Amino acid sequence: MKSTDTKFARWYALREKGLLRFVLVQGVLQWGFGTAVLWLAIMAIFAGDGFNVIAAAPTALVIFPLGGVAFGFLMWFALDSISNRG
């Protein structure tokens, strides 16, 4: 079993950089834009000719990153809570 310090070493390093940076990088950039691009690709493959990627991209590139803000905050507080218990 890993010690708590080793187990949460990555979290502690991210935490040192601050909440705002975590939300922007982990939430908006990684989760938000990553999910938007993945969703657009999946829709283009499975929805067929009825799906216009060019028309859907602006909406996806706004909605998913906004969800990424919520995701980032939720993950910050969840990881912080878990690491304090650990």
Protein backbone atom coordinates (compact mmCIF):
# COMPACT_ATOMS: atom_id res chain seq x y z
CA MET A 1 0.00 0.00 0.00
CA LYS A 2 1.33 3.43 -0.90
CA SER A 3 1.84 5.99 1.80
CA THR A 4 -0.46 9.02 1.80
CA ASP A 5 2.37 11.34 0.77
CA THR A 6 3.27 9.24 -2.26
CA LYS A 7 -0.36 8.60 -3.15
CA PHE A 8 -1.21 12.29 -3.24
CA ALA A 9 2.12 13.69 -4.43
CA ARG A 10 0.70 14.77 -7.81
CA TRP A 11 -2.30 16.39 -6.13
CA TYR A 12 -0.07 18.31 -3.70
CA ALA A 13 2.04 19.59 -6.61
CA LEU A 14 -1.10 20.76 -8.46
CA ARG A 15 -2.52 22.27 -5.28
CA GLU A 16 0.59 24.39 -4.77
CA LYS A 17 -0.11 26.15 -8.09
CA GLY A 18 -3.52 27.34 -6.88
CA LEU A 19 -7.22 26.91 -7.45
CA LEU A 20 -7.54 29.21 -10.46
CA ARG A 21 -4.76 27.51 -12.39
CA PHE A 22 -6.19 24.07 -11.53
CA VAL A 23 -9.66 25.03 -12.75
CA LEU A 24 -8.33 26.59 -15.95
CA VAL A 25 -5.86 23.84 -16.85
CA GLN A 26 -7.54 20.68 -15.53
CA GLY A 27 -11.13 21.81 -15.92
CA VAL A 28 -11.37 24.14 -18.91
CA LEU A 29 -8.43 23.09 -21.08
CA GLN A 30 -8.13 19.39 -20.40
CA TRP A 31 -11.69 18.35 -19.58
CA GLY A 32 -13.68 21.09 -21.35
CA PHE A 33 -11.87 21.37 -24.67
CA GLY A 34 -10.91 17.70 -24.69
CA THR A 35 -14.51 16.63 -24.23
CA ALA A 36 -15.71 19.12 -26.85
CA VAL A 37 -13.31 17.78 -29.46
CA LEU A 38 -14.11 14.18 -28.56
CA TRP A 39 -17.88 14.87 -28.71
CA LEU A 40 -17.54 16.55 -32.11
CA ALA A 41 -15.53 13.59 -33.45
CA ILE A 42 -18.01 11.02 -32.12
CA MET A 43 -20.97 12.95 -33.49
CA ALA A 44 -19.28 13.29 -36.89
CA ILE A 45 -18.67 9.54 -37.02
CA PHE A 46 -21.99 8.24 -35.72
CA ALA A 47 -24.54 10.92 -36.65
CA GLY A 48 -23.77 10.71 -40.34
CA ASP A 49 -24.51 13.41 -42.87
CA GLY A 50 -27.16 15.05 -40.70
CA PHE A 51 -24.55 16.47 -38.33
CA ASN A 52 -22.68 19.63 -39.34
CA VAL A 53 -19.40 19.74 -37.40
CA ILE A 54 -18.63 23.30 -38.49
CA ALA A 55 -21.99 24.57 -37.23
CA ALA A 56 -21.80 22.62 -33.95
CA ALA A 57 -18.17 23.44 -33.10
CA PRO A 58 -18.68 26.98 -31.73
CA THR A 59 -21.43 25.80 -29.37
CA ALA A 60 -19.45 22.77 -28.23
CA LEU A 61 -16.32 24.87 -27.70
CA VAL A 62 -18.29 27.15 -25.36
CA ILE A 63 -20.61 24.74 -23.52
CA PHE A 64 -18.07 22.02 -22.66
CA PRO A 65 -15.40 24.42 -21.31
CA LEU A 66 -18.07 26.08 -19.16
CA GLY A 67 -18.85 22.61 -17.82
CA GLY A 68 -15.11 22.26 -17.31
CA VAL A 69 -15.21 25.18 -14.87
CA ALA A 70 -17.73 23.27 -12.75
CA PHE A 71 -15.72 20.05 -13.18
CA GLY A 72 -12.52 21.82 -12.10
CA PHE A 73 -14.09 23.26 -8.95
CA LEU A 74 -15.74 19.95 -8.03
CA MET A 75 -12.48 18.04 -8.52
CA TRP A 76 -10.49 20.60 -6.53
CA PHE A 77 -12.75 20.33 -3.50
CA ALA A 78 -13.16 16.55 -3.80
CA LEU A 79 -9.40 15.95 -4.03
CA ASP A 80 -8.75 18.42 -1.25
CA SER A 81 -11.28 16.66 0.98
CA ILE A 82 -9.89 13.20 0.20
CA SER A 83 -6.28 14.29 0.76
CA ASN A 84 -7.15 15.83 4.13
CA ARG A 85 -8.73 12.56 5.26
CA GLY A 86 -5.89 10.41 3.90
